[in-house]
């Protein structure tokens, strides 16, 4: 996506419409934000940091890499009608001071939401260099944290939680909740395209295929 095609989301740090000091002040409530905006991370950075004054509504997908972002701060709430996706390379931090809603969420970088995070189809984590902090509840039919840690400070409302060791990717207070949401038979919950193995006792989740289908907007739940 070229600069002429890229929609303007808010005030640009590269365009000197916002200072790094203001960005640091806006995100000081998120413990994971400070390392991303240190001088050695931003000096000479190729990617931009954008501040949205108020709510942000994206009619489609929001991919931080395609927008050339290493940081996005939404002072209100964020709504994405399609896929929300952030990255760990380049390291990226997205911080929402209100609530966040998206159809599908794949987070690899740092995601901070002060309010409730709602993913109406699926919430997927990937890789373990970074994590997500959610100030209130997480609401989604399918939660697949993979190796990504989710510091959920409220409740988890989900129909199913899948993935090896998912109970260790949330705070201890939610461990029992996650264990109760892990299906005994994956084949009863997930489409065959994200599973491998023949007999029920051999069925395993294919993390990559699940993530790919979520990215494409294909169904993963039966």
N, C-alpha and C. Protein backbone atom coordinates (compact mmCIF):
# COMPACT_ATOMS: atom_id res chain seq x y z
N UNK A 1 0.85 -1.19 0.00
CA UNK A 1 0.00 0.00 0.00
C UNK A 1 0.88 1.24 0.00
N UNK A 2 0.69 2.14 -0.95
CA UNK A 2 1.50 3.35 -1.03
C UNK A 2 0.96 4.41 -0.10
N UNK A 3 1.77 5.47 0.10
CA UNK A 3 1.34 6.54 0.99
C UNK A 3 0.07 7.21 0.49
N UNK A 4 -0.10 7.28 -0.85
CA UNK A 4 -1.29 7.93 -1.39
C UNK A 4 -2.54 7.08 -1.18
N UNK A 5 -2.35 5.76 -1.09
CA UNK A 5 -3.49 4.87 -0.89
C UNK A 5 -3.83 4.69 0.59
N UNK A 6 -2.86 4.90 1.44
CA UNK A 6 -3.03 4.64 2.86
C UNK A 6 -3.93 5.69 3.50
N UNK A 7 -5.07 5.30 4.07
CA UNK A 7 -5.95 6.30 4.70
C UNK A 7 -5.31 6.87 5.95
N UNK A 8 -5.57 8.13 6.20
CA UNK A 8 -5.03 8.80 7.38
C UNK A 8 -5.89 8.41 8.58
N UNK A 9 -5.25 7.81 9.57
CA UNK A 9 -5.97 7.35 10.75
C UNK A 9 -6.06 8.42 11.82
N UNK A 10 -5.00 9.24 11.94
CA UNK A 10 -4.96 10.24 13.00
C UNK A 10 -3.71 11.08 12.90
N UNK A 11 -3.25 11.60 14.01
CA UNK A 11 -2.07 12.46 14.02
C UNK A 11 -0.80 11.62 13.94
N UNK A 12 0.08 11.99 13.04
CA UNK A 12 1.27 11.22 12.75
C UNK A 12 2.50 11.76 13.48
N UNK A 13 3.24 10.84 14.11
CA UNK A 13 4.51 11.21 14.75
C UNK A 13 5.55 11.58 13.70
N UNK A 14 5.61 10.83 12.60
CA UNK A 14 6.58 11.12 11.56
C UNK A 14 6.33 12.48 10.91
N UNK A 15 5.06 12.86 10.83
CA UNK A 15 4.71 14.16 10.26
C UNK A 15 4.78 15.28 11.29
N UNK A 16 5.26 14.94 12.49
CA UNK A 16 5.42 15.90 13.59
C UNK A 16 4.09 16.52 14.03
N UNK A 17 3.03 15.71 13.92
CA UNK A 17 1.71 16.15 14.38
C UNK A 17 1.46 15.75 15.83
N UNK A 18 2.32 14.90 16.36
CA UNK A 18 2.26 14.48 17.75
C UNK A 18 3.69 14.19 18.20
N UNK A 19 3.98 14.47 19.45
CA UNK A 19 5.33 14.26 19.97
C UNK A 19 5.43 12.91 20.68
N UNK A 20 6.65 12.42 20.80
CA UNK A 20 6.85 11.15 21.50
C UNK A 20 6.51 11.32 22.98
N UNK A 21 6.69 12.53 23.51
CA UNK A 21 6.33 12.78 24.91
C UNK A 21 4.83 12.63 25.12
N UNK A 22 4.03 13.11 24.18
CA UNK A 22 2.58 12.95 24.30
C UNK A 22 2.19 11.49 24.19
N UNK A 23 2.83 10.77 23.29
CA UNK A 23 2.55 9.34 23.12
C UNK A 23 2.86 8.58 24.40
N UNK A 24 3.98 8.89 25.01
CA UNK A 24 4.35 8.24 26.27
C UNK A 24 3.36 8.56 27.38
N UNK A 25 2.91 9.80 27.42
CA UNK A 25 1.95 10.20 28.46
C UNK A 25 0.61 9.49 28.27
N UNK A 26 0.17 9.35 27.03
CA UNK A 26 -1.12 8.72 26.75
C UNK A 26 -1.11 7.23 27.09
N UNK A 27 0.06 6.61 26.98
CA UNK A 27 0.14 5.16 27.17
C UNK A 27 0.76 4.75 28.50
N UNK A 28 0.94 5.70 29.40
CA UNK A 28 1.62 5.38 30.66
C UNK A 28 0.83 4.41 31.53
N UNK A 29 -0.46 4.26 31.25
CA UNK A 29 -1.27 3.30 32.00
C UNK A 29 -1.06 1.86 31.58
N UNK A 30 -0.30 1.64 30.51
CA UNK A 30 -0.02 0.30 30.02
C UNK A 30 1.45 -0.02 30.27
N UNK A 31 1.71 -1.01 31.10
CA UNK A 31 3.09 -1.33 31.48
C UNK A 31 3.94 -1.74 30.29
N UNK A 32 3.32 -2.35 29.28
CA UNK A 32 4.07 -2.84 28.13
C UNK A 32 4.37 -1.76 27.09
N UNK A 33 3.86 -0.56 27.29
CA UNK A 33 4.04 0.49 26.29
C UNK A 33 5.42 1.13 26.35
N UNK A 34 5.92 1.38 27.54
CA UNK A 34 7.15 2.15 27.70
C UNK A 34 8.33 1.60 26.89
N UNK A 35 8.60 0.28 26.91
CA UNK A 35 9.75 -0.22 26.14
C UNK A 35 9.64 0.03 24.63
N UNK A 36 8.42 0.08 24.11
CA UNK A 36 8.23 0.26 22.67
C UNK A 36 8.52 1.68 22.22
N UNK A 37 8.41 2.63 23.14
CA UNK A 37 8.56 4.03 22.76
C UNK A 37 9.79 4.67 23.39
N UNK A 38 10.75 3.86 23.79
CA UNK A 38 12.02 4.38 24.28
C UNK A 38 12.80 5.00 23.13
N UNK A 39 13.75 5.87 23.48
CA UNK A 39 14.51 6.58 22.45
C UNK A 39 15.19 5.64 21.46
N UNK A 40 15.77 4.54 21.96
CA UNK A 40 16.50 3.65 21.06
C UNK A 40 15.57 2.87 20.14
N UNK A 41 14.28 2.83 20.45
CA UNK A 41 13.31 2.18 19.57
C UNK A 41 12.76 3.12 18.51
N UNK A 42 12.66 4.39 18.84
CA UNK A 42 12.03 5.33 17.91
C UNK A 42 13.03 6.14 17.09
N UNK A 43 14.26 6.28 17.57
CA UNK A 43 15.25 7.06 16.82
C UNK A 43 15.54 6.38 15.49
N UNK A 44 15.28 7.10 14.40
CA UNK A 44 15.52 6.56 13.07
C UNK A 44 14.52 5.52 12.63
N UNK A 45 13.40 5.42 13.32
CA UNK A 45 12.40 4.39 12.99
C UNK A 45 11.80 4.62 11.61
N UNK A 46 11.60 3.54 10.89
CA UNK A 46 11.00 3.60 9.55
C UNK A 46 9.48 3.67 9.66
N UNK A 47 8.94 3.08 10.72
CA UNK A 47 7.49 2.99 10.86
C UNK A 47 6.96 4.13 11.73
N UNK A 48 5.68 4.41 11.57
CA UNK A 48 5.06 5.58 12.19
C UNK A 48 4.31 5.20 13.48
N UNK A 49 4.05 6.22 14.28
CA UNK A 49 3.17 6.11 15.44
C UNK A 49 2.04 7.11 15.23
N UNK A 50 0.82 6.66 15.38
CA UNK A 50 -0.34 7.51 15.11
C UNK A 50 -1.22 7.59 16.35
N UNK A 51 -1.70 8.78 16.64
CA UNK A 51 -2.64 9.01 17.74
C UNK A 51 -3.98 9.41 17.15
N UNK A 52 -5.03 8.72 17.56
CA UNK A 52 -6.39 9.03 17.13
C UNK A 52 -7.10 9.73 18.29
N UNK A 53 -7.54 10.95 18.05
CA UNK A 53 -8.24 11.72 19.09
C UNK A 53 -9.73 11.39 19.04
N UNK A 54 -10.14 10.43 19.85
CA UNK A 54 -11.54 10.00 19.83
C UNK A 54 -11.63 8.56 19.39
N UNK A 55 -12.79 8.17 18.86
CA UNK A 55 -13.01 6.80 18.41
C UNK A 55 -12.44 6.60 17.01
N UNK A 56 -12.12 5.35 16.71
CA UNK A 56 -11.67 4.97 15.37
C UNK A 56 -12.54 3.83 14.87
N UNK A 57 -13.16 4.03 13.71
CA UNK A 57 -14.00 3.01 13.08
C UNK A 57 -13.38 2.67 11.73
N UNK A 58 -12.97 1.42 11.57
CA UNK A 58 -12.36 0.96 10.32
C UNK A 58 -13.36 0.06 9.61
N UNK A 59 -13.78 0.48 8.42
CA UNK A 59 -14.77 -0.27 7.64
C UNK A 59 -14.04 -1.28 6.77
N UNK A 60 -13.57 -2.35 7.40
CA UNK A 60 -12.75 -3.34 6.70
C UNK A 60 -11.71 -3.87 7.66
N UNK A 61 -10.50 -4.15 7.15
CA UNK A 61 -9.43 -4.70 7.97
C UNK A 61 -8.51 -3.60 8.48
N UNK A 62 -7.86 -3.87 9.61
CA UNK A 62 -6.82 -3.00 10.14
C UNK A 62 -5.58 -3.84 10.37
N UNK A 63 -4.60 -3.69 9.48
CA UNK A 63 -3.33 -4.41 9.54
C UNK A 63 -2.25 -3.38 9.82
N UNK A 64 -1.62 -3.45 10.99
CA UNK A 64 -0.65 -2.41 11.36
C UNK A 64 0.53 -2.38 10.40
N UNK A 65 0.94 -3.54 9.88
CA UNK A 65 2.07 -3.57 8.94
C UNK A 65 1.72 -2.84 7.65
N UNK A 66 0.53 -3.10 7.11
CA UNK A 66 0.12 -2.45 5.86
C UNK A 66 -0.05 -0.95 6.03
N UNK A 67 -0.34 -0.53 7.25
CA UNK A 67 -0.45 0.90 7.53
C UNK A 67 0.90 1.51 7.89
N UNK A 68 1.95 0.70 7.91
CA UNK A 68 3.27 1.21 8.23
C UNK A 68 3.42 1.69 9.66
N UNK A 69 2.79 0.98 10.60
CA UNK A 69 2.75 1.43 11.99
C UNK A 69 3.64 0.62 12.91
N UNK A 70 4.31 1.32 13.81
CA UNK A 70 4.95 0.68 14.96
C UNK A 70 4.19 1.01 16.23
N UNK A 71 3.23 1.91 16.11
CA UNK A 71 2.41 2.27 17.25
C UNK A 71 1.11 2.92 16.83
N UNK A 72 0.05 2.60 17.56
CA UNK A 72 -1.26 3.22 17.33
C UNK A 72 -1.90 3.44 18.70
N UNK A 73 -2.30 4.67 18.95
CA UNK A 73 -2.96 5.01 20.22
C UNK A 73 -4.33 5.58 19.89
N UNK A 74 -5.37 4.92 20.37
CA UNK A 74 -6.75 5.38 20.16
C UNK A 74 -7.27 5.90 21.49
N UNK A 75 -7.55 7.19 21.53
CA UNK A 75 -7.95 7.80 22.80
C UNK A 75 -9.40 7.46 23.17
N UNK A 76 -10.16 6.98 22.21
CA UNK A 76 -11.52 6.52 22.46
C UNK A 76 -11.61 5.02 22.30
N UNK A 77 -12.63 4.56 21.57
CA UNK A 77 -12.81 3.13 21.32
C UNK A 77 -12.46 2.80 19.87
N UNK A 78 -12.11 1.56 19.64
CA UNK A 78 -11.71 1.08 18.31
C UNK A 78 -12.71 0.03 17.85
N UNK A 79 -13.21 0.22 16.62
CA UNK A 79 -14.10 -0.78 16.01
C UNK A 79 -13.58 -1.12 14.62
N UNK A 80 -13.34 -2.41 14.39
CA UNK A 80 -12.84 -2.90 13.10
C UNK A 80 -13.87 -3.88 12.56
N UNK A 81 -14.40 -3.59 11.38
CA UNK A 81 -15.47 -4.42 10.83
C UNK A 81 -14.95 -5.75 10.28
N UNK A 82 -13.66 -5.84 10.03
CA UNK A 82 -13.07 -7.08 9.50
C UNK A 82 -12.03 -7.64 10.44
N UNK A 83 -10.83 -7.86 9.89
CA UNK A 83 -9.72 -8.45 10.64
C UNK A 83 -8.83 -7.36 11.23
N UNK A 84 -8.56 -7.48 12.52
CA UNK A 84 -7.52 -6.67 13.17
C UNK A 84 -6.29 -7.55 13.30
N UNK A 85 -5.12 -7.03 12.87
CA UNK A 85 -3.88 -7.80 12.98
C UNK A 85 -2.72 -6.87 13.26
N UNK A 86 -1.92 -7.21 14.29
CA UNK A 86 -0.71 -6.46 14.58
C UNK A 86 0.50 -7.39 14.45
N UNK A 87 1.71 -6.82 14.57
CA UNK A 87 2.92 -7.59 14.28
C UNK A 87 3.92 -7.53 15.43
N UNK A 88 4.82 -8.52 15.42
CA UNK A 88 5.96 -8.48 16.35
C UNK A 88 7.24 -8.10 15.63
N UNK A 89 7.25 -8.11 14.30
CA UNK A 89 8.40 -7.71 13.50
C UNK A 89 7.91 -7.02 12.24
N UNK A 90 7.90 -5.68 12.26
CA UNK A 90 8.45 -4.80 13.29
C UNK A 90 7.61 -4.83 14.58
N UNK A 91 8.30 -4.62 15.70
CA UNK A 91 7.61 -4.55 16.99
C UNK A 91 6.56 -3.45 16.93
N UNK A 92 5.35 -3.78 17.35
CA UNK A 92 4.25 -2.82 17.24
C UNK A 92 3.41 -2.87 18.51
N UNK A 93 2.97 -1.70 18.94
CA UNK A 93 2.08 -1.61 20.08
C UNK A 93 0.82 -0.83 19.74
N UNK A 94 -0.32 -1.42 20.00
CA UNK A 94 -1.61 -0.76 19.79
C UNK A 94 -2.28 -0.62 21.15
N UNK A 95 -2.67 0.61 21.47
CA UNK A 95 -3.23 0.91 22.79
C UNK A 95 -4.54 1.65 22.63
N UNK A 96 -5.60 1.07 23.19
CA UNK A 96 -6.95 1.61 23.06
C UNK A 96 -7.41 2.02 24.45
N UNK A 97 -7.74 3.30 24.59
CA UNK A 97 -8.11 3.81 25.91
C UNK A 97 -9.57 3.55 26.25
N UNK A 98 -10.34 3.09 25.28
CA UNK A 98 -11.73 2.70 25.50
C UNK A 98 -11.90 1.21 25.29
N UNK A 99 -12.99 0.83 24.60
CA UNK A 99 -13.25 -0.57 24.27
C UNK A 99 -12.76 -0.87 22.85
N UNK A 100 -12.59 -2.14 22.56
CA UNK A 100 -12.20 -2.56 21.21
C UNK A 100 -13.12 -3.67 20.75
N UNK A 101 -13.61 -3.54 19.51
CA UNK A 101 -14.45 -4.56 18.90
C UNK A 101 -13.94 -4.83 17.49
N UNK A 102 -13.80 -6.09 17.14
CA UNK A 102 -13.42 -6.48 15.79
C UNK A 102 -14.08 -7.80 15.46
N UNK A 103 -14.24 -8.07 14.17
CA UNK A 103 -14.82 -9.36 13.79
C UNK A 103 -13.83 -10.48 14.14
N UNK A 104 -12.57 -10.27 13.76
CA UNK A 104 -11.53 -11.26 14.03
C UNK A 104 -10.29 -10.52 14.51
N UNK A 105 -9.58 -11.11 15.46
CA UNK A 105 -8.36 -10.51 16.02
C UNK A 105 -7.24 -11.53 15.99
N UNK A 106 -6.11 -11.14 15.37
CA UNK A 106 -4.87 -11.92 15.45
C UNK A 106 -3.81 -10.98 15.98
N UNK A 107 -3.33 -11.23 17.17
CA UNK A 107 -2.34 -10.34 17.78
C UNK A 107 -1.03 -11.08 18.03
N UNK A 108 0.03 -10.50 17.48
CA UNK A 108 1.38 -11.04 17.63
C UNK A 108 2.26 -10.07 18.41
N UNK A 109 1.93 -8.78 18.29
CA UNK A 109 2.68 -7.74 18.98
C UNK A 109 2.09 -7.44 20.34
N UNK A 110 2.15 -6.16 20.71
CA UNK A 110 1.61 -5.71 22.00
C UNK A 110 0.25 -5.06 21.78
N UNK A 111 -0.75 -5.55 22.48
CA UNK A 111 -2.10 -4.99 22.40
C UNK A 111 -2.56 -4.63 23.80
N UNK A 112 -2.95 -3.38 23.99
CA UNK A 112 -3.49 -2.94 25.27
C UNK A 112 -4.85 -2.31 25.09
N UNK A 113 -5.83 -2.79 25.81
CA UNK A 113 -7.20 -2.26 25.75
C UNK A 113 -7.63 -1.94 27.17
N UNK A 114 -7.95 -0.69 27.43
CA UNK A 114 -8.34 -0.29 28.78
C UNK A 114 -9.69 -0.86 29.17
N UNK A 115 -10.57 -1.02 28.20
CA UNK A 115 -11.91 -1.52 28.46
C UNK A 115 -12.07 -2.98 28.08
N UNK A 116 -13.18 -3.29 27.41
CA UNK A 116 -13.52 -4.66 27.01
C UNK A 116 -13.08 -4.92 25.58
N UNK A 117 -12.54 -6.10 25.34
CA UNK A 117 -12.18 -6.54 23.99
C UNK A 117 -13.20 -7.56 23.53
N UNK A 118 -13.85 -7.26 22.40
CA UNK A 118 -14.83 -8.17 21.81
C UNK A 118 -14.36 -8.57 20.42
N UNK A 119 -14.23 -9.86 20.19
CA UNK A 119 -13.94 -10.40 18.85
C UNK A 119 -15.13 -11.27 18.48
N UNK A 120 -15.94 -10.83 17.54
CA UNK A 120 -17.22 -11.49 17.30
C UNK A 120 -17.09 -12.86 16.64
N UNK A 121 -15.93 -13.16 16.05
CA UNK A 121 -15.72 -14.48 15.44
C UNK A 121 -14.60 -15.27 16.12
N UNK A 122 -13.45 -14.64 16.33
CA UNK A 122 -12.32 -15.37 16.92
C UNK A 122 -11.27 -14.41 17.43
N UNK A 123 -10.61 -14.81 18.52
CA UNK A 123 -9.48 -14.08 19.09
C UNK A 123 -8.29 -15.03 19.13
N UNK A 124 -7.24 -14.68 18.39
CA UNK A 124 -6.09 -15.56 18.22
C UNK A 124 -4.81 -14.83 18.62
N UNK A 125 -4.01 -15.47 19.44
CA UNK A 125 -2.68 -14.96 19.76
C UNK A 125 -1.63 -15.75 19.01
N UNK A 126 -0.46 -15.15 18.83
CA UNK A 126 0.61 -15.84 18.12
C UNK A 126 1.95 -15.35 18.62
N UNK A 127 2.84 -16.29 18.91
CA UNK A 127 4.20 -16.03 19.34
C UNK A 127 4.21 -15.46 20.76
N UNK A 128 5.40 -15.43 21.37
CA UNK A 128 5.45 -15.11 22.80
C UNK A 128 6.38 -13.97 23.18
N UNK A 129 6.86 -13.20 22.21
CA UNK A 129 7.72 -12.07 22.56
C UNK A 129 6.94 -10.94 23.23
N UNK A 130 5.67 -10.82 22.87
CA UNK A 130 4.83 -9.74 23.39
C UNK A 130 3.54 -10.34 23.94
N UNK A 131 2.62 -9.50 24.38
CA UNK A 131 1.38 -10.00 24.95
C UNK A 131 0.29 -8.95 24.89
N UNK A 132 -0.87 -9.32 25.43
CA UNK A 132 -2.03 -8.43 25.44
C UNK A 132 -2.45 -8.16 26.87
N UNK A 133 -2.88 -6.93 27.12
CA UNK A 133 -3.43 -6.55 28.42
C UNK A 133 -4.83 -5.99 28.20
N UNK A 134 -5.81 -6.61 28.82
CA UNK A 134 -7.20 -6.20 28.66
C UNK A 134 -7.72 -5.76 30.02
N UNK A 135 -8.13 -4.50 30.13
CA UNK A 135 -8.51 -3.94 31.42
C UNK A 135 -9.81 -4.48 31.97
N UNK A 136 -10.70 -4.91 31.10
CA UNK A 136 -11.99 -5.46 31.55
C UNK A 136 -12.18 -6.87 31.00
N UNK A 137 -13.26 -7.09 30.26
CA UNK A 137 -13.60 -8.45 29.83
C UNK A 137 -13.09 -8.75 28.42
N UNK A 138 -12.98 -10.03 28.14
CA UNK A 138 -12.78 -10.53 26.78
C UNK A 138 -14.01 -11.33 26.40
N UNK A 139 -14.61 -10.98 25.26
CA UNK A 139 -15.83 -11.63 24.79
C UNK A 139 -15.59 -12.14 23.37
N UNK A 140 -15.68 -13.43 23.17
CA UNK A 140 -15.45 -14.02 21.85
C UNK A 140 -15.96 -15.45 21.83
N UNK A 141 -16.45 -15.94 20.69
CA UNK A 141 -16.86 -17.34 20.65
C UNK A 141 -15.68 -18.31 20.72
N UNK A 142 -14.53 -17.90 20.12
CA UNK A 142 -13.37 -18.79 20.07
C UNK A 142 -12.11 -18.04 20.51
N UNK A 143 -11.45 -18.57 21.53
CA UNK A 143 -10.22 -17.99 22.06
C UNK A 143 -9.09 -18.99 21.87
N UNK A 144 -8.08 -18.58 21.11
CA UNK A 144 -6.92 -19.44 20.86
C UNK A 144 -5.65 -18.63 21.17
N UNK A 145 -5.18 -18.67 22.41
CA UNK A 145 -4.03 -17.83 22.77
C UNK A 145 -2.70 -18.30 22.22
N UNK A 146 -2.60 -19.57 21.84
CA UNK A 146 -1.34 -20.17 21.40
C UNK A 146 -0.28 -19.89 22.46
N UNK A 147 0.88 -19.29 22.10
CA UNK A 147 1.91 -18.99 23.10
C UNK A 147 1.87 -17.55 23.58
N UNK A 148 0.84 -16.82 23.22
CA UNK A 148 0.72 -15.39 23.51
C UNK A 148 0.00 -15.21 24.85
N UNK A 149 0.57 -14.42 25.75
CA UNK A 149 -0.06 -14.24 27.05
C UNK A 149 -1.10 -13.12 27.01
N UNK A 150 -2.25 -13.38 27.62
CA UNK A 150 -3.34 -12.41 27.70
C UNK A 150 -3.59 -12.09 29.17
N UNK A 151 -3.22 -10.89 29.57
CA UNK A 151 -3.46 -10.43 30.94
C UNK A 151 -4.86 -9.84 30.99
N UNK A 152 -5.83 -10.70 31.21
CA UNK A 152 -7.24 -10.30 31.23
C UNK A 152 -7.62 -9.97 32.67
N UNK A 153 -7.98 -8.73 32.91
CA UNK A 153 -8.26 -8.29 34.28
C UNK A 153 -9.72 -8.43 34.66
N UNK A 154 -10.56 -8.72 33.69
CA UNK A 154 -11.98 -8.95 33.96
C UNK A 154 -12.31 -10.42 33.75
N UNK A 155 -13.44 -10.67 33.10
CA UNK A 155 -13.90 -12.03 32.85
C UNK A 155 -13.61 -12.46 31.42
N UNK A 156 -13.62 -13.75 31.20
CA UNK A 156 -13.51 -14.32 29.86
C UNK A 156 -14.84 -14.96 29.52
N UNK A 157 -15.48 -14.45 28.46
CA UNK A 157 -16.74 -15.00 27.98
C UNK A 157 -16.48 -15.61 26.61
N UNK A 158 -16.47 -16.94 26.54
CA UNK A 158 -16.18 -17.63 25.29
C UNK A 158 -16.97 -18.92 25.22
N UNK A 159 -17.19 -19.40 23.99
CA UNK A 159 -17.83 -20.70 23.82
C UNK A 159 -16.80 -21.83 23.89
N UNK A 160 -15.58 -21.54 23.42
CA UNK A 160 -14.54 -22.57 23.43
C UNK A 160 -13.17 -21.91 23.50
N UNK A 161 -12.26 -22.59 24.21
CA UNK A 161 -10.86 -22.19 24.25
C UNK A 161 -10.05 -23.37 23.73
N UNK A 162 -9.19 -23.12 22.75
CA UNK A 162 -8.42 -24.22 22.15
C UNK A 162 -6.94 -23.87 22.14
N UNK A 163 -6.13 -24.93 22.07
CA UNK A 163 -4.69 -24.75 22.02
C UNK A 163 -4.00 -25.33 23.24
N UNK A 164 -2.85 -25.95 23.02
CA UNK A 164 -2.10 -26.59 24.11
C UNK A 164 -1.65 -25.56 25.14
N UNK A 165 -1.90 -25.84 26.42
CA UNK A 165 -1.44 -24.97 27.49
C UNK A 165 -2.16 -23.64 27.57
N UNK A 166 -3.37 -23.56 27.03
CA UNK A 166 -4.09 -22.28 27.03
C UNK A 166 -4.31 -21.73 28.43
N UNK A 167 -4.45 -22.61 29.41
CA UNK A 167 -4.71 -22.16 30.78
C UNK A 167 -3.52 -21.41 31.38
N UNK A 168 -2.36 -21.55 30.76
CA UNK A 168 -1.16 -20.85 31.25
C UNK A 168 -0.92 -19.53 30.52
N UNK A 169 -1.81 -19.17 29.61
CA UNK A 169 -1.67 -17.91 28.86
C UNK A 169 -2.59 -16.82 29.40
N UNK A 170 -3.19 -17.09 30.55
CA UNK A 170 -4.09 -16.12 31.20
C UNK A 170 -3.69 -16.01 32.66
N UNK A 171 -4.18 -14.99 33.38
CA UNK A 171 -3.88 -14.89 34.81
C UNK A 171 -4.39 -16.11 35.58
N UNK A 172 -3.77 -16.37 36.72
CA UNK A 172 -4.13 -17.54 37.53
C UNK A 172 -5.61 -17.55 37.90
N UNK A 173 -6.19 -16.37 38.07
CA UNK A 173 -7.60 -16.28 38.46
C UNK A 173 -8.53 -16.83 37.38
N UNK A 174 -8.06 -16.90 36.14
CA UNK A 174 -8.90 -17.38 35.04
C UNK A 174 -8.52 -18.79 34.59
N UNK A 175 -7.56 -19.40 35.26
CA UNK A 175 -7.09 -20.72 34.83
C UNK A 175 -8.21 -21.75 34.82
N UNK A 176 -8.99 -21.81 35.90
CA UNK A 176 -10.08 -22.78 35.97
C UNK A 176 -11.14 -22.49 34.92
N UNK A 177 -11.39 -21.22 34.68
CA UNK A 177 -12.37 -20.83 33.68
C UNK A 177 -11.96 -21.32 32.30
N UNK A 178 -10.70 -21.13 31.96
CA UNK A 178 -10.19 -21.58 30.67
C UNK A 178 -10.25 -23.10 30.56
N UNK A 179 -9.85 -23.80 31.60
CA UNK A 179 -9.88 -25.26 31.58
C UNK A 179 -11.30 -25.78 31.34
N UNK A 180 -12.28 -25.10 31.90
CA UNK A 180 -13.67 -25.52 31.74
C UNK A 180 -14.18 -25.30 30.32
N UNK A 181 -13.54 -24.40 29.58
CA UNK A 181 -13.97 -24.08 28.22
C UNK A 181 -13.22 -24.85 27.15
N UNK A 182 -12.25 -25.66 27.55
CA UNK A 182 -11.50 -26.48 26.58
C UNK A 182 -12.36 -27.68 26.19
N UNK A 183 -12.69 -27.84 24.91
CA UNK A 183 -13.57 -28.95 24.50
C UNK A 183 -12.88 -30.30 24.67
N UNK A 184 -13.66 -31.30 25.08
CA UNK A 184 -13.11 -32.65 25.24
C UNK A 184 -12.87 -33.30 23.88
N UNK A 185 -13.67 -32.93 22.90
CA UNK A 185 -13.53 -33.48 21.55
C UNK A 185 -13.47 -32.31 20.57
N UNK A 186 -12.29 -32.04 20.03
CA UNK A 186 -12.11 -30.90 19.12
C UNK A 186 -12.98 -31.02 17.88
N UNK A 187 -13.21 -32.25 17.45
CA UNK A 187 -13.97 -32.46 16.21
C UNK A 187 -15.43 -32.01 16.36
N UNK A 188 -15.93 -31.99 17.58
CA UNK A 188 -17.30 -31.54 17.79
C UNK A 188 -17.41 -30.01 17.74
N UNK A 189 -16.29 -29.33 17.84
CA UNK A 189 -16.29 -27.87 17.94
C UNK A 189 -15.70 -27.20 16.71
N UNK A 190 -14.62 -27.76 16.17
CA UNK A 190 -13.87 -27.12 15.09
C UNK A 190 -14.07 -27.85 13.76
N UNK A 191 -13.94 -27.10 12.67
CA UNK A 191 -14.05 -27.70 11.34
C UNK A 191 -12.84 -28.60 11.09
N UNK A 192 -13.02 -29.59 10.22
CA UNK A 192 -11.96 -30.57 9.95
C UNK A 192 -10.70 -29.92 9.39
N UNK A 193 -10.86 -28.80 8.68
CA UNK A 193 -9.72 -28.17 8.01
C UNK A 193 -8.64 -27.68 8.97
N UNK A 194 -8.95 -27.53 10.26
CA UNK A 194 -7.95 -27.04 11.21
C UNK A 194 -7.48 -28.16 12.14
N UNK A 195 -7.85 -29.40 11.80
CA UNK A 195 -7.49 -30.54 12.64
C UNK A 195 -6.60 -31.51 11.87
N UNK A 196 -5.83 -32.30 12.62
CA UNK A 196 -5.03 -33.36 12.01
C UNK A 196 -5.16 -34.60 12.89
N UNK A 197 -5.05 -35.77 12.24
CA UNK A 197 -5.25 -37.03 12.94
C UNK A 197 -6.52 -37.70 12.47
N UNK A 198 -6.65 -38.98 12.76
CA UNK A 198 -7.80 -39.75 12.30
C UNK A 198 -8.75 -40.09 13.45
N UNK A 199 -8.31 -40.96 14.34
CA UNK A 199 -9.16 -41.35 15.46
C UNK A 199 -9.33 -40.18 16.42
N UNK A 200 -10.46 -40.17 17.14
CA UNK A 200 -10.76 -39.06 18.05
C UNK A 200 -9.64 -38.81 19.05
N UNK A 201 -9.03 -39.90 19.54
CA UNK A 201 -7.98 -39.74 20.54
C UNK A 201 -6.68 -39.20 19.94
N UNK A 202 -6.59 -39.19 18.60
CA UNK A 202 -5.38 -38.70 17.93
C UNK A 202 -5.56 -37.29 17.37
N UNK A 203 -6.75 -36.76 17.46
CA UNK A 203 -7.04 -35.46 16.86
C UNK A 203 -6.26 -34.36 17.56
N UNK A 204 -5.58 -33.54 16.76
CA UNK A 204 -4.84 -32.40 17.28
C UNK A 204 -5.20 -31.15 16.49
N UNK A 205 -5.01 -30.02 17.13
CA UNK A 205 -5.25 -28.74 16.47
C UNK A 205 -4.03 -28.36 15.65
N UNK A 206 -4.27 -27.91 14.42
CA UNK A 206 -3.20 -27.35 13.58
C UNK A 206 -3.25 -25.83 13.75
N UNK A 207 -2.35 -25.31 14.57
CA UNK A 207 -2.38 -23.88 14.89
C UNK A 207 -2.27 -23.01 13.65
N UNK A 208 -1.38 -23.40 12.74
CA UNK A 208 -1.15 -22.59 11.54
C UNK A 208 -2.39 -22.52 10.67
N UNK A 209 -3.04 -23.66 10.46
CA UNK A 209 -4.23 -23.67 9.61
C UNK A 209 -5.37 -22.89 10.25
N UNK A 210 -5.50 -22.99 11.57
CA UNK A 210 -6.54 -22.21 12.23
C UNK A 210 -6.29 -20.72 12.04
N UNK A 211 -5.05 -20.30 12.25
CA UNK A 211 -4.71 -18.89 12.11
C UNK A 211 -4.93 -18.41 10.67
N UNK A 212 -4.58 -19.24 9.71
CA UNK A 212 -4.76 -18.87 8.31
C UNK A 212 -6.23 -18.71 7.97
N UNK A 213 -7.08 -19.58 8.48
CA UNK A 213 -8.51 -19.48 8.18
C UNK A 213 -9.13 -18.25 8.85
N UNK A 214 -8.69 -17.97 10.07
CA UNK A 214 -9.18 -16.77 10.73
C UNK A 214 -8.77 -15.53 9.94
N UNK A 215 -7.53 -15.50 9.46
CA UNK A 215 -7.05 -14.36 8.69
C UNK A 215 -7.87 -14.16 7.41
N UNK A 216 -8.29 -15.26 6.80
CA UNK A 216 -9.05 -15.19 5.55
C UNK A 216 -10.55 -15.01 5.77
N UNK A 217 -10.98 -15.07 7.02
CA UNK A 217 -12.41 -14.94 7.29
C UNK A 217 -13.19 -16.20 7.03
N UNK A 218 -12.51 -17.35 7.00
CA UNK A 218 -13.18 -18.63 6.79
C UNK A 218 -13.64 -19.20 8.14
N UNK A 219 -14.71 -19.97 8.15
CA UNK A 219 -15.22 -20.49 9.43
C UNK A 219 -14.25 -21.49 10.06
N UNK A 220 -14.15 -21.44 11.37
CA UNK A 220 -13.34 -22.41 12.12
C UNK A 220 -14.20 -23.17 13.13
N UNK A 221 -15.28 -22.59 13.56
CA UNK A 221 -16.22 -23.27 14.46
C UNK A 221 -17.30 -23.97 13.66
N UNK A 222 -17.74 -25.12 14.14
CA UNK A 222 -18.85 -25.82 13.48
C UNK A 222 -20.17 -25.11 13.76
